[in-house]
């Protein structure tokens, strides 16, 4: 979902919009602490850390998409 998919001009815009929608869902889950049990929280945290690591640390990731998503990713807690 968060990996660069296409080199078409509008593709990054569409992908960023979809990623924002997913991150909004994750944000909602993170705000409601009673939705997940301990094991699910651990998996959720690993998922978020993996996304963040890919966007911020991967030299092969697309910087355009990463720059659009980083503020939104950092908002998810």
N, C-alpha and C. Protein backbone atom coordinates (compact mmCIF):
# COMPACT_ATOMS: atom_id res chain seq x y z
N UNK A 1 0.83 -1.20 0.00
CA UNK A 1 0.00 0.00 0.00
C UNK A 1 0.87 1.26 0.00
N UNK A 2 1.91 1.26 0.80
CA UNK A 2 2.71 2.46 0.97
C UNK A 2 3.95 2.48 0.10
N UNK A 3 4.17 1.43 -0.67
CA UNK A 3 5.31 1.38 -1.59
C UNK A 3 4.93 2.07 -2.89
N UNK A 4 5.88 2.79 -3.46
CA UNK A 4 5.67 3.49 -4.72
C UNK A 4 5.25 2.49 -5.80
N UNK A 5 4.19 2.80 -6.54
CA UNK A 5 3.62 1.85 -7.49
C UNK A 5 3.78 2.23 -8.96
N UNK A 6 3.73 3.51 -9.27
CA UNK A 6 3.68 3.91 -10.67
C UNK A 6 4.43 5.21 -10.87
N UNK A 7 4.90 5.41 -12.11
CA UNK A 7 5.60 6.65 -12.42
C UNK A 7 4.70 7.65 -13.14
N UNK A 8 3.43 7.34 -13.29
CA UNK A 8 2.49 8.26 -13.94
C UNK A 8 2.28 9.49 -13.06
N UNK A 9 2.10 10.66 -13.67
CA UNK A 9 2.01 11.91 -12.90
C UNK A 9 0.92 11.92 -11.82
N UNK A 10 -0.28 11.46 -12.14
CA UNK A 10 -1.38 11.51 -11.17
C UNK A 10 -1.39 10.30 -10.24
N UNK A 11 -0.57 9.31 -10.52
CA UNK A 11 -0.58 8.09 -9.72
C UNK A 11 -0.16 8.36 -8.28
N UNK A 12 0.83 9.20 -8.08
CA UNK A 12 1.28 9.50 -6.71
C UNK A 12 0.18 10.21 -5.95
N UNK A 13 -0.54 11.12 -6.60
CA UNK A 13 -1.65 11.82 -5.94
C UNK A 13 -2.72 10.83 -5.49
N UNK A 14 -3.09 9.91 -6.38
CA UNK A 14 -4.12 8.93 -6.04
C UNK A 14 -3.65 7.99 -4.94
N UNK A 15 -2.41 7.54 -5.04
CA UNK A 15 -1.88 6.64 -4.03
C UNK A 15 -1.78 7.34 -2.68
N UNK A 16 -1.34 8.58 -2.67
CA UNK A 16 -1.25 9.33 -1.41
C UNK A 16 -2.62 9.50 -0.78
N UNK A 17 -3.64 9.76 -1.60
CA UNK A 17 -5.00 9.90 -1.08
C UNK A 17 -5.48 8.60 -0.45
N UNK A 18 -5.21 7.47 -1.09
CA UNK A 18 -5.59 6.18 -0.52
C UNK A 18 -4.83 5.90 0.77
N UNK A 19 -3.55 6.20 0.77
CA UNK A 19 -2.74 6.00 1.98
C UNK A 19 -3.25 6.87 3.12
N UNK A 20 -3.65 8.09 2.82
CA UNK A 20 -4.20 8.97 3.86
C UNK A 20 -5.46 8.37 4.45
N UNK A 21 -6.29 7.77 3.60
CA UNK A 21 -7.52 7.15 4.11
C UNK A 21 -7.19 5.99 5.06
N UNK A 22 -6.21 5.18 4.68
CA UNK A 22 -5.80 4.07 5.54
C UNK A 22 -5.24 4.61 6.86
N UNK A 23 -4.41 5.65 6.77
CA UNK A 23 -3.83 6.23 7.99
C UNK A 23 -4.90 6.84 8.88
N UNK A 24 -5.94 7.40 8.29
CA UNK A 24 -7.06 7.91 9.09
C UNK A 24 -7.74 6.78 9.87
N UNK A 25 -7.87 5.62 9.23
CA UNK A 25 -8.44 4.46 9.92
C UNK A 25 -7.53 4.04 11.07
N UNK A 26 -6.23 3.99 10.80
CA UNK A 26 -5.27 3.62 11.85
C UNK A 26 -5.31 4.63 13.00
N UNK A 27 -5.44 5.90 12.66
CA UNK A 27 -5.52 6.95 13.68
C UNK A 27 -6.75 6.71 14.57
N UNK A 28 -7.87 6.38 13.95
CA UNK A 28 -9.10 6.12 14.71
C UNK A 28 -8.92 4.92 15.63
N UNK A 29 -8.27 3.88 15.14
CA UNK A 29 -8.01 2.71 15.98
C UNK A 29 -7.11 3.09 17.14
N UNK A 30 -6.08 3.88 16.87
CA UNK A 30 -5.16 4.28 17.92
C UNK A 30 -5.79 5.15 18.99
N UNK A 31 -6.78 5.93 18.61
CA UNK A 31 -7.45 6.81 19.57
C UNK A 31 -8.37 6.04 20.50
N UNK A 32 -8.91 4.94 20.04
CA UNK A 32 -9.84 4.14 20.84
C UNK A 32 -9.08 2.97 21.45
N UNK A 33 -8.60 3.13 22.64
CA UNK A 33 -7.74 2.14 23.28
C UNK A 33 -8.40 0.82 23.60
N UNK A 34 -9.72 0.78 23.64
CA UNK A 34 -10.41 -0.45 24.04
C UNK A 34 -10.72 -1.38 22.87
N UNK A 35 -10.40 -0.98 21.66
CA UNK A 35 -10.73 -1.81 20.50
C UNK A 35 -9.83 -3.04 20.37
N UNK A 36 -8.61 -2.96 20.88
CA UNK A 36 -7.65 -4.03 20.67
C UNK A 36 -7.17 -4.62 21.99
N UNK A 37 -6.92 -5.91 21.97
CA UNK A 37 -6.30 -6.54 23.15
C UNK A 37 -4.79 -6.36 23.06
N UNK A 38 -4.07 -6.86 24.05
CA UNK A 38 -2.61 -6.66 24.11
C UNK A 38 -1.87 -7.18 22.89
N UNK A 39 -2.21 -8.39 22.45
CA UNK A 39 -1.53 -8.97 21.29
C UNK A 39 -1.82 -8.17 20.02
N UNK A 40 -3.06 -7.73 19.87
CA UNK A 40 -3.43 -6.93 18.70
C UNK A 40 -2.72 -5.58 18.70
N UNK A 41 -2.57 -4.98 19.90
CA UNK A 41 -1.84 -3.71 20.00
C UNK A 41 -0.40 -3.88 19.55
N UNK A 42 0.20 -5.01 19.93
CA UNK A 42 1.58 -5.26 19.53
C UNK A 42 1.69 -5.38 18.00
N UNK A 43 0.76 -6.10 17.40
CA UNK A 43 0.76 -6.23 15.93
C UNK A 43 0.50 -4.88 15.26
N UNK A 44 -0.41 -4.11 15.83
CA UNK A 44 -0.73 -2.79 15.29
C UNK A 44 0.49 -1.88 15.35
N UNK A 45 1.20 -1.92 16.47
CA UNK A 45 2.41 -1.12 16.63
C UNK A 45 3.48 -1.54 15.63
N UNK A 46 3.65 -2.83 15.44
CA UNK A 46 4.62 -3.33 14.46
C UNK A 46 4.27 -2.87 13.04
N UNK A 47 2.99 -2.89 12.73
CA UNK A 47 2.54 -2.42 11.42
C UNK A 47 2.90 -0.95 11.23
N UNK A 48 2.60 -0.13 12.21
CA UNK A 48 2.89 1.30 12.12
C UNK A 48 4.39 1.57 12.06
N UNK A 49 5.16 0.82 12.84
CA UNK A 49 6.61 0.98 12.80
C UNK A 49 7.17 0.56 11.45
N UNK A 50 6.63 -0.48 10.86
CA UNK A 50 7.07 -0.91 9.54
C UNK A 50 6.78 0.13 8.47
N UNK A 51 5.60 0.71 8.52
CA UNK A 51 5.25 1.77 7.56
C UNK A 51 6.18 2.96 7.75
N UNK A 52 6.38 3.38 8.98
CA UNK A 52 7.25 4.52 9.27
C UNK A 52 8.68 4.24 8.84
N UNK A 53 9.17 3.05 9.13
CA UNK A 53 10.53 2.68 8.75
C UNK A 53 10.69 2.72 7.24
N UNK A 54 9.71 2.20 6.53
CA UNK A 54 9.79 2.19 5.07
C UNK A 54 9.81 3.62 4.52
N UNK A 55 8.90 4.45 5.01
CA UNK A 55 8.79 5.80 4.47
C UNK A 55 9.97 6.70 4.85
N UNK A 56 10.46 6.55 6.07
CA UNK A 56 11.53 7.43 6.53
C UNK A 56 12.93 6.88 6.28
N UNK A 57 13.07 5.56 6.24
CA UNK A 57 14.40 5.01 6.23
C UNK A 57 14.82 4.27 4.98
N UNK A 58 13.89 3.88 4.16
CA UNK A 58 14.25 3.06 3.01
C UNK A 58 14.81 3.92 1.88
N UNK A 59 16.05 3.66 1.47
CA UNK A 59 16.61 4.44 0.37
C UNK A 59 15.91 4.17 -0.95
N UNK A 60 15.20 3.06 -1.05
CA UNK A 60 14.52 2.74 -2.31
C UNK A 60 13.10 3.29 -2.36
N UNK A 61 12.61 3.84 -1.25
CA UNK A 61 11.24 4.36 -1.27
C UNK A 61 11.18 5.65 -2.08
N UNK A 62 10.00 5.90 -2.61
CA UNK A 62 9.79 7.11 -3.40
C UNK A 62 9.66 8.30 -2.46
N UNK A 63 10.51 9.27 -2.63
CA UNK A 63 10.54 10.40 -1.70
C UNK A 63 9.32 11.30 -1.85
N UNK A 64 8.73 11.36 -3.03
CA UNK A 64 7.54 12.19 -3.23
C UNK A 64 6.40 11.66 -2.37
N UNK A 65 6.16 10.38 -2.46
CA UNK A 65 5.10 9.78 -1.65
C UNK A 65 5.43 9.89 -0.17
N UNK A 66 6.66 9.61 0.20
CA UNK A 66 7.07 9.68 1.60
C UNK A 66 6.86 11.08 2.16
N UNK A 67 7.21 12.10 1.41
CA UNK A 67 7.07 13.48 1.89
C UNK A 67 5.60 13.84 2.10
N UNK A 68 4.73 13.29 1.29
CA UNK A 68 3.30 13.57 1.44
C UNK A 68 2.70 12.83 2.63
N UNK A 69 3.26 11.67 2.95
CA UNK A 69 2.66 10.83 3.98
C UNK A 69 3.26 11.00 5.37
N UNK A 70 4.50 11.44 5.45
CA UNK A 70 5.18 11.49 6.76
C UNK A 70 4.42 12.29 7.81
N UNK A 71 3.93 13.48 7.53
CA UNK A 71 3.20 14.19 8.58
C UNK A 71 1.97 13.41 9.07
N UNK A 72 1.32 12.74 8.15
CA UNK A 72 0.14 11.95 8.49
C UNK A 72 0.52 10.71 9.29
N UNK A 73 1.61 10.06 8.90
CA UNK A 73 2.09 8.88 9.62
C UNK A 73 2.47 9.25 11.05
N UNK A 74 3.13 10.36 11.22
CA UNK A 74 3.56 10.77 12.55
C UNK A 74 2.39 11.17 13.44
N UNK A 75 1.25 11.49 12.85
CA UNK A 75 0.06 11.85 13.61
C UNK A 75 -0.58 10.60 14.22
N UNK A 76 -0.41 9.45 13.59
CA UNK A 76 -0.99 8.21 14.08
C UNK A 76 -0.25 7.77 15.32
N UNK A 77 -0.97 7.60 16.41
CA UNK A 77 -0.34 7.19 17.66
C UNK A 77 -1.24 6.30 18.45
